[in-house]
Amino acid sequence: MYHNIGVPPVGARLRNLYVRAGAFSRQMFMLRLLGYKGLSMSAAMPYLRGEKRGRVAVITFDDGYVDTLEQALPILQKHGFSATCYVISQRTGQYNDWDAASLNVRKSLMNDEQVRAWQAAGMEVGAHSRTHPRLTGCTDAELQDEIAGSKTDLEKLLGQPVTQFCYPYGDLDARVVAATRQAGFEAATTVQRGRARAGDNAMLLRRVLVSGSTFPHLFIFKLLGNYEDKRG
């Protein structure tokens, strides 16, 4: 689970949301060196369903920032990896208005053309709601709009099915999960820390947090041991 790839702006809070491009490049190199294949969520579904076996790492980016396209994409392509970027469908070309004040920084989001460029490069676009609300506070109608609506928006933009969802803030309950399943998504990711395994509930997938302070030895621990599982 990544958010931003690049150098944190001066004055930005939660600087750990930024992984510098050099660190990200080394992490992808380590994945390949250790025999992992970096995959998008859709490409990993057969592994999560237990239909295929192999050493795979699903690479995800939340929110759809421009630096995902500009900084992460060339590195992913260099290693022959794919990845999923979860896009907020009614905020493309804008900024992180849901947390800009608390983070003290406006972070640019990919516009429609850039989202299409990410897809055209062989990467996957997933949905991350329409406006990045806390879904548990939404009415049933608002849930339908945010979840199913984001799927409709992105499928119209991209001209192909969007099957993956990510809960904003990791905020969910049984009602939110049911609405996500009803919208037709195949799987959804949380911010619950831990490694996803074959047979896990596809609507409640855990992820491995990679932050600006994930140094090389810690990245290895997260990959090969139960470090992240214990923190979940």
C-alpha atoms as a PDB file:
ATOM      1  CA  MET A   1       0.000   0.000   0.000  1.00  0.00           C
ATOM      2  CA  TYR A   2       1.515   3.261  -1.227  1.00  0.00           C
ATOM      3  CA  HIS A   3       0.212   6.821  -1.384  1.00  0.00           C
ATOM      4  CA  ASN A   4       2.801   9.261  -2.755  1.00  0.00           C
ATOM      5  CA  ILE A   5       6.066   8.588  -4.571  1.00  0.00           C
ATOM      6  CA  GLY A   6       8.448  11.518  -4.262  1.00  0.00           C
ATOM      7  CA  VAL A   7       9.942  14.034  -1.848  1.00  0.00           C
ATOM      8  CA  PRO A   8       7.637  15.429   0.851  1.00  0.00           C
ATOM      9  CA  PRO A   9       6.935  19.156   0.307  1.00  0.00           C
ATOM     10  CA  VAL A  10       8.262  21.587   2.897  1.00  0.00           C
ATOM     11  CA  GLY A  11       5.756  21.925   5.717  1.00  0.00           C
ATOM     12  CA  ALA A  12       3.807  18.785   4.830  1.00  0.00           C
ATOM     13  CA  ARG A  13       2.422  16.784   7.736  1.00  0.00           C
ATOM     14  CA  LEU A  14       2.376  12.973   7.735  1.00  0.00           C
ATOM     15  CA  ARG A  15       5.552  12.944   5.689  1.00  0.00           C
ATOM     16  CA  ASN A  16       5.574   9.151   5.916  1.00  0.00           C
ATOM     17  CA  LEU A  17       2.889   9.118   3.218  1.00  0.00           C
ATOM     18  CA  TYR A  18       5.750   9.871   0.810  1.00  0.00           C
ATOM     19  CA  VAL A  19       8.140   7.164  -0.383  1.00  0.00           C
ATOM     20  CA  ARG A  20      11.033   8.693  -2.292  1.00  0.00           C
ATOM     21  CA  ALA A  21      11.459   7.495  -5.858  1.00  0.00           C
ATOM     22  CA  GLY A  22      14.886   6.043  -5.109  1.00  0.00           C
ATOM     23  CA  ALA A  23      13.503   4.016  -2.217  1.00  0.00           C
ATOM     24  CA  PHE A  24      10.576   2.801  -4.331  1.00  0.00           C
ATOM     25  CA  SER A  25      12.995   1.760  -7.073  1.00  0.00           C
ATOM     26  CA  ARG A  26      15.073  -0.230  -4.586  1.00  0.00           C
ATOM     27  CA  GLN A  27      11.939  -1.886  -3.211  1.00  0.00           C
ATOM     28  CA  MET A  28      10.834  -2.997  -6.662  1.00  0.00           C
ATOM     29  CA  PHE A  29      14.351  -4.280  -7.344  1.00  0.00           C
ATOM     30  CA  MET A  30      14.238  -6.281  -4.100  1.00  0.00           C
ATOM     31  CA  LEU A  31      10.880  -7.768  -5.050  1.00  0.00           C
ATOM     32  CA  ARG A  32      12.271  -8.993  -8.337  1.00  0.00           C
ATOM     33  CA  LEU A  33      15.534 -10.166  -6.746  1.00  0.00           C
ATOM     34  CA  LEU A  34      13.585 -12.257  -4.244  1.00  0.00           C
ATOM     35  CA  GLY A  35      11.557 -13.851  -7.031  1.00  0.00           C
ATOM     36  CA  TYR A  36       8.346 -11.876  -6.623  1.00  0.00           C
ATOM     37  CA  LYS A  37       6.162 -10.785  -9.509  1.00  0.00           C
ATOM     38  CA  GLY A  38       4.553  -7.390  -8.978  1.00  0.00           C
ATOM     39  CA  LEU A  39       0.883  -7.574  -9.997  1.00  0.00           C
ATOM     40  CA  SER A  40      -2.269  -5.508 -10.138  1.00  0.00           C
ATOM     41  CA  MET A  41      -5.265  -6.569  -8.075  1.00  0.00           C
ATOM     42  CA  SER A  42      -7.089  -8.099 -11.032  1.00  0.00           C
ATOM     43  CA  ALA A  43      -4.008 -10.041 -12.102  1.00  0.00           C
ATOM     44  CA  ALA A  44      -3.648 -11.360  -8.562  1.00  0.00           C
ATOM     45  CA  MET A  45      -7.242 -12.555  -8.180  1.00  0.00           C
ATOM     46  CA  PRO A  46      -6.518 -16.131  -9.356  1.00  0.00           C
ATOM     47  CA  TYR A  47      -3.872 -16.359  -6.608  1.00  0.00           C
ATOM     48  CA  LEU A  48      -6.258 -14.973  -3.981  1.00  0.00           C
ATOM     49  CA  ARG A  49      -8.917 -17.469  -5.069  1.00  0.00           C
ATOM     50  CA  GLY A  50      -6.408 -20.315  -4.765  1.00  0.00           C
ATOM     51  CA  GLU A  51      -6.516 -21.103  -8.479  1.00  0.00           C
ATOM     52  CA  LYS A  52      -2.831 -20.303  -9.019  1.00  0.00           C
ATOM     53  CA  ARG A  53       0.247 -20.445  -6.817  1.00  0.00           C
ATOM     54  CA  GLY A  54       3.385 -18.358  -6.940  1.00  0.00           C
ATOM     55  CA  ARG A  55       5.414 -15.661  -5.261  1.00  0.00           C
ATOM     56  CA  VAL A  56       3.444 -12.519  -6.061  1.00  0.00           C
ATOM     57  CA  ALA A  57       3.162  -9.055  -4.546  1.00  0.00           C
ATOM     58  CA  VAL A  58       0.138  -6.898  -5.309  1.00  0.00           C
ATOM     59  CA  ILE A  59       1.185  -3.245  -5.683  1.00  0.00           C
ATOM     60  CA  THR A  60      -1.480  -0.637  -4.899  1.00  0.00           C
ATOM     61  CA  PHE A  61      -1.578   3.153  -4.816  1.00  0.00           C
ATOM     62  CA  ASP A  62      -4.354   5.075  -3.100  1.00  0.00           C
ATOM     63  CA  ASP A  63      -5.997   8.285  -4.375  1.00  0.00           C
ATOM     64  CA  GLY A  64      -4.514   8.669  -7.871  1.00  0.00           C
ATOM     65  CA  TYR A  65      -1.830  11.309  -7.388  1.00  0.00           C
ATOM     66  CA  VAL A  66       0.105  12.637 -10.367  1.00  0.00           C
ATOM     67  CA  ASP A  67       3.351  11.370  -8.850  1.00  0.00           C
ATOM     68  CA  THR A  68       2.036   7.800  -9.168  1.00  0.00           C
ATOM     69  CA  LEU A  69       2.071   8.259 -12.939  1.00  0.00           C
ATOM     70  CA  GLU A  70       5.223  10.348 -13.195  1.00  0.00           C
ATOM     71  CA  GLN A  71       7.430   8.661 -10.584  1.00  0.00           C
ATOM     72  CA  ALA A  72       6.134   5.131 -10.012  1.00  0.00           C
ATOM     73  CA  LEU A  73       5.121   4.111 -13.530  1.00  0.00           C
ATOM     74  CA  PRO A  74       8.613   4.158 -15.134  1.00  0.00           C
ATOM     75  CA  ILE A  75       9.989   2.068 -12.264  1.00  0.00           C
ATOM     76  CA  LEU A  76       7.176  -0.464 -12.505  1.00  0.00           C
ATOM     77  CA  GLN A  77       7.704  -0.741 -16.255  1.00  0.00           C
ATOM     78  CA  LYS A  78      11.447  -1.229 -15.792  1.00  0.00           C
ATOM     79  CA  HIS A  79      10.764  -4.356 -13.737  1.00  0.00           C
ATOM     80  CA  GLY A  80       7.874  -5.629 -15.830  1.00  0.00           C
ATOM     81  CA  PHE A  81       5.399  -5.171 -12.991  1.00  0.00           C
ATOM     82  CA  SER A  82       1.772  -4.116 -13.045  1.00  0.00           C
ATOM     83  CA  ALA A  83      -0.072  -2.255 -10.277  1.00  0.00           C
ATOM     84  CA  THR A  84      -3.475  -0.883  -9.294  1.00  0.00           C
ATOM     85  CA  CYS A  85      -4.152   2.787  -8.623  1.00  0.00           C
ATOM     86  CA  TYR A  86      -7.414   3.570  -6.819  1.00  0.00           C
ATOM     87  CA  VAL A  87      -8.892   6.764  -8.299  1.00  0.00           C
ATOM     88  CA  ILE A  88     -11.465   9.129  -6.786  1.00  0.00           C
ATOM     89  CA  SER A  89     -13.738   9.450  -9.768  1.00  0.00           C
ATOM     90  CA  GLN A  90     -15.087  12.974  -9.243  1.00  0.00           C
ATOM     91  CA  ARG A  91     -11.794  14.490  -8.142  1.00  0.00           C
ATOM     92  CA  THR A  92      -9.666  13.802 -11.224  1.00  0.00           C
ATOM     93  CA  GLY A  93      -7.587  16.807 -12.201  1.00  0.00           C
ATOM     94  CA  GLN A  94      -8.143  18.365  -8.774  1.00  0.00           C
ATOM     95  CA  TYR A  95      -6.416  17.921  -5.412  1.00  0.00           C
ATOM     96  CA  ASN A  96      -6.813  16.146  -2.064  1.00  0.00           C
ATOM     97  CA  ASP A  97      -9.602  18.334  -0.731  1.00  0.00           C
ATOM     98  CA  TRP A  98     -10.561  15.699   1.881  1.00  0.00           C
ATOM     99  CA  ASP A  99      -7.319  16.087   3.870  1.00  0.00           C
ATOM    100  CA  ALA A 100      -5.368  19.037   2.419  1.00  0.00           C
ATOM    101  CA  ALA A 101      -5.969  21.159   5.501  1.00  0.00           C
ATOM    102  CA  SER A 102      -4.877  18.465   7.966  1.00  0.00           C
ATOM    103  CA  LEU A 103      -1.817  17.544   5.857  1.00  0.00           C
ATOM    104  CA  ASN A 104      -0.934  21.183   5.150  1.00  0.00           C
ATOM    105  CA  VAL A 105      -0.379  20.419   1.466  1.00  0.00           C
ATOM    106  CA  ARG A 106      -2.398  20.281  -1.750  1.00  0.00           C
ATOM    107  CA  LYS A 107      -1.437  17.196  -3.719  1.00  0.00           C
ATOM    108  CA  SER A 108      -2.282  17.095  -7.417  1.00  0.00           C
ATOM    109  CA  LEU A 109      -4.494  14.265  -8.653  1.00  0.00           C
ATOM    110  CA  MET A 110      -4.280  12.752 -12.124  1.00  0.00           C
ATOM    111  CA  ASN A 111      -6.662  14.242 -14.668  1.00  0.00           C
ATOM    112  CA  ASP A 112      -8.759  12.099 -17.013  1.00  0.00           C
ATOM    113  CA  GLU A 113      -6.057  11.962 -19.671  1.00  0.00           C
ATOM    114  CA  GLN A 114      -3.445  10.901 -17.132  1.00  0.00           C
ATOM    115  CA  VAL A 115      -5.734   8.216 -15.720  1.00  0.00           C
ATOM    116  CA  ARG A 116      -6.141   6.856 -19.239  1.00  0.00           C
ATOM    117  CA  ALA A 117      -2.359   7.003 -19.710  1.00  0.00           C
ATOM    118  CA  TRP A 118      -1.885   4.905 -16.573  1.00  0.00           C
ATOM    119  CA  GLN A 119      -4.292   2.321 -17.959  1.00  0.00           C
ATOM    120  CA  ALA A 120      -2.743   2.430 -21.448  1.00  0.00           C
ATOM    121  CA  ALA A 121       0.643   1.633 -19.892  1.00  0.00           C
ATOM    122  CA  GLY A 122      -0.715  -1.733 -18.759  1.00  0.00           C
ATOM    123  CA  MET A 123      -1.685  -0.686 -15.245  1.00  0.00           C
ATOM    124  CA  GLU A 124      -5.063  -1.062 -13.554  1.00  0.00           C
ATOM    125  CA  VAL A 125      -7.466   1.627 -12.380  1.00  0.00           C
ATOM    126  CA  GLY A 126      -9.579   0.784  -9.347  1.00  0.00           C
ATOM    127  CA  ALA A 127     -12.302   2.863  -7.695  1.00  0.00           C
ATOM    128  CA  HIS A 128     -11.864   4.811  -4.460  1.00  0.00           C
ATOM    129  CA  SER A 129     -15.357   6.364  -4.264  1.00  0.00           C
ATOM    130  CA  ARG A 130     -16.507   9.575  -5.929  1.00  0.00           C
ATOM    131  CA  THR A 131     -15.413  12.119  -3.284  1.00  0.00           C
ATOM    132  CA  HIS A 132     -13.428  10.228  -0.577  1.00  0.00           C
ATOM    133  CA  PRO A 133     -15.995  10.392   2.259  1.00  0.00           C
ATOM    134  CA  ARG A 134     -16.171   8.292   5.398  1.00  0.00           C
ATOM    135  CA  LEU A 135     -18.534   5.698   4.041  1.00  0.00           C
ATOM    136  CA  THR A 136     -19.947   4.545   7.388  1.00  0.00           C
ATOM    137  CA  GLY A 137     -21.462   8.011   7.803  1.00  0.00           C
ATOM    138  CA  CYS A 138     -23.268   7.895   4.460  1.00  0.00           C
ATOM    139  CA  THR A 139     -26.944   7.181   3.983  1.00  0.00           C
ATOM    140  CA  ASP A 140     -27.908   4.208   1.851  1.00  0.00           C
ATOM    141  CA  ALA A 141     -28.480   6.523  -1.109  1.00  0.00           C
ATOM    142  CA  GLU A 142     -25.127   8.208  -0.584  1.00  0.00           C
ATOM    143  CA  LEU A 143     -23.408   4.825  -0.392  1.00  0.00           C
ATOM    144  CA  GLN A 144     -24.931   3.850  -3.712  1.00  0.00           C
ATOM    145  CA  ASP A 145     -23.783   7.120  -5.239  1.00  0.00           C
ATOM    146  CA  GLU A 146     -20.238   6.947  -3.867  1.00  0.00           C
ATOM    147  CA  ILE A 147     -19.537   3.269  -4.496  1.00  0.00           C
ATOM    148  CA  ALA A 148     -21.581   2.205  -7.521  1.00  0.00           C
ATOM    149  CA  GLY A 149     -21.310   5.742  -8.913  1.00  0.00           C
ATOM    150  CA  SER A 150     -17.518   5.661  -8.887  1.00  0.00           C
ATOM    151  CA  LYS A 151     -17.589   2.394 -10.819  1.00  0.00           C
ATOM    152  CA  THR A 152     -19.902   3.909 -13.410  1.00  0.00           C
ATOM    153  CA  ASP A 153     -17.769   7.064 -13.726  1.00  0.00           C
ATOM    154  CA  LEU A 154     -14.524   5.194 -14.259  1.00  0.00           C
ATOM    155  CA  GLU A 155     -15.970   2.626 -16.647  1.00  0.00           C
ATOM    156  CA  LYS A 156     -17.304   5.482 -18.762  1.00  0.00           C
ATOM    157  CA  LEU A 157     -13.907   7.172 -18.681  1.00  0.00           C
ATOM    158  CA  LEU A 158     -11.896   4.044 -19.483  1.00  0.00           C
ATOM    159  CA  GLY A 159     -14.253   2.047 -21.656  1.00  0.00           C
ATOM    160  CA  GLN A 160     -13.735  -1.176 -19.740  1.00  0.00           C
ATOM    161  CA  PRO A 161     -14.915  -2.825 -16.512  1.00  0.00           C
ATOM    162  CA  VAL A 162     -13.576  -1.549 -13.185  1.00  0.00           C
ATOM    163  CA  THR A 163     -13.633  -4.462 -10.763  1.00  0.00           C
ATOM    164  CA  GLN A 164     -11.536  -3.313  -7.796  1.00  0.00           C
ATOM    165  CA  PHE A 165     -12.447  -0.994  -4.909  1.00  0.00           C
ATOM    166  CA  CYS A 166     -10.597   0.564  -1.984  1.00  0.00           C
ATOM    167  CA  TYR A 167     -12.438   1.911   1.080  1.00  0.00           C
ATOM    168  CA  PRO A 168     -11.539   5.581   1.738  1.00  0.00           C
ATOM    169  CA  TYR A 169      -9.745   5.893   5.110  1.00  0.00           C
ATOM    170  CA  GLY A 170     -10.304   2.146   5.481  1.00  0.00           C
ATOM    171  CA  ASP A 171     -13.673   3.172   6.944  1.00  0.00           C
ATOM    172  CA  LEU A 172     -16.179   0.331   6.626  1.00  0.00           C
ATOM    173  CA  ASP A 173     -18.859  -1.722   8.289  1.00  0.00           C
ATOM    174  CA  ALA A 174     -21.155  -4.542   7.178  1.00  0.00           C
ATOM    175  CA  ARG A 175     -23.430  -2.107   5.334  1.00  0.00           C
ATOM    176  CA  VAL A 176     -20.520  -0.585   3.390  1.00  0.00           C
ATOM    177  CA  VAL A 177     -19.165  -4.011   2.471  1.00  0.00           C
ATOM    178  CA  ALA A 178     -22.594  -5.146   1.287  1.00  0.00           C
ATOM    179  CA  ALA A 179     -22.956  -2.031  -0.888  1.00  0.00           C
ATOM    180  CA  THR A 180     -19.523  -2.668  -2.395  1.00  0.00           C
ATOM    181  CA  ARG A 181     -20.382  -6.251  -3.227  1.00  0.00           C
ATOM    182  CA  GLN A 182     -23.767  -5.234  -4.594  1.00  0.00           C
ATOM    183  CA  ALA A 183     -22.106  -2.657  -6.872  1.00  0.00           C
ATOM    184  CA  GLY A 184     -20.371  -5.524  -8.643  1.00  0.00           C
ATOM    185  CA  PHE A 185     -16.786  -5.194  -7.415  1.00  0.00           C
ATOM    186  CA  GLU A 186     -14.784  -8.418  -7.317  1.00  0.00           C
ATOM    187  CA  ALA A 187     -12.593  -7.365  -4.406  1.00  0.00           C
ATOM    188  CA  ALA A 188     -11.905  -4.469  -2.072  1.00  0.00           C
ATOM    189  CA  THR A 189      -8.873  -3.456  -0.038  1.00  0.00           C
ATOM    190  CA  THR A 190      -8.718  -2.041   3.467  1.00  0.00           C
ATOM    191  CA  VAL A 191      -5.987  -0.293   5.455  1.00  0.00           C
ATOM    192  CA  GLN A 192      -5.887  -3.221   7.888  1.00  0.00           C
ATOM    193  CA  ARG A 193      -2.247  -4.212   8.090  1.00  0.00           C
ATOM    194  CA  GLY A 194      -1.241  -7.723   7.130  1.00  0.00           C
ATOM    195  CA  ARG A 195      -0.583  -9.983   4.175  1.00  0.00           C
ATOM    196  CA  ALA A 196      -3.520 -11.195   2.120  1.00  0.00           C
ATOM    197  CA  ARG A 197      -3.718 -14.937   1.641  1.00  0.00           C
ATOM    198  CA  ALA A 198      -5.602 -17.298  -0.618  1.00  0.00           C
ATOM    199  CA  GLY A 199      -9.094 -17.835   0.713  1.00  0.00           C
ATOM    200  CA  ASP A 200      -9.346 -14.466   2.506  1.00  0.00           C
ATOM    201  CA  ASN A 201     -12.609 -12.545   2.223  1.00  0.00           C
ATOM    202  CA  ALA A 202     -12.142 -10.683  -1.067  1.00  0.00           C
ATOM    203  CA  MET A 203     -14.116  -7.704   0.272  1.00  0.00           C
ATOM    204  CA  LEU A 204     -11.823  -7.290   3.290  1.00  0.00           C
ATOM    205  CA  LEU A 205      -8.305  -7.646   1.931  1.00  0.00           C
ATOM    206  CA  ARG A 206      -5.450  -6.541   4.161  1.00  0.00           C
ATOM    207  CA  ARG A 207      -2.396  -4.741   2.848  1.00  0.00           C
ATOM    208  CA  VAL A 208       1.256  -4.244   3.750  1.00  0.00           C
ATOM    209  CA  LEU A 209       1.952  -0.624   4.643  1.00  0.00           C
ATOM    210  CA  VAL A 210       4.982   0.885   2.883  1.00  0.00           C
ATOM    211  CA  SER A 211       5.894   4.333   4.176  1.00  0.00           C
ATOM    212  CA  GLY A 212       8.738   6.800   4.015  1.00  0.00           C
ATOM    213  CA  SER A 213      10.346   5.102   7.009  1.00  0.00           C
ATOM    214  CA  THR A 214      10.201   1.599   5.533  1.00  0.00           C
ATOM    215  CA  PHE A 215      13.943   1.087   5.276  1.00  0.00           C
ATOM    216  CA  PRO A 216      15.385  -1.838   3.252  1.00  0.00           C
ATOM    217  CA  HIS A 217      15.708  -4.274   6.169  1.00  0.00           C
ATOM    218  CA  LEU A 218      12.151  -3.510   7.286  1.00  0.00           C
ATOM    219  CA  PHE A 219      10.848  -3.976   3.755  1.00  0.00           C
ATOM    220  CA  ILE A 220      12.403  -7.468   3.763  1.00  0.00           C
ATOM    221  CA  PHE A 221      10.804  -8.263   7.142  1.00  0.00           C
ATOM    222  CA  LYS A 222       7.412  -7.165   5.822  1.00  0.00           C
ATOM    223  CA  LEU A 223       7.813  -9.417   2.782  1.00  0.00           C
ATOM    224  CA  LEU A 224       9.262 -12.566   4.256  1.00  0.00           C
ATOM    225  CA  GLY A 225       8.057 -12.671   7.854  1.00  0.00           C
ATOM    226  CA  ASN A 226       4.968 -12.044   9.943  1.00  0.00           C
ATOM    227  CA  TYR A 227       6.038  -8.498  10.907  1.00  0.00           C
ATOM    228  CA  GLU A 228       3.046  -6.845   9.250  1.00  0.00           C
ATOM    229  CA  ASP A 229       0.592  -9.541  10.321  1.00  0.00           C
ATOM    230  CA  LYS A 230       1.423  -8.921  13.987  1.00  0.00           C
ATOM    231  CA  ARG A 231       0.751  -5.195  13.530  1.00  0.00           C
ATOM    232  CA  GLY A 232      -2.626  -5.893  12.004  1.00  0.00           C
END
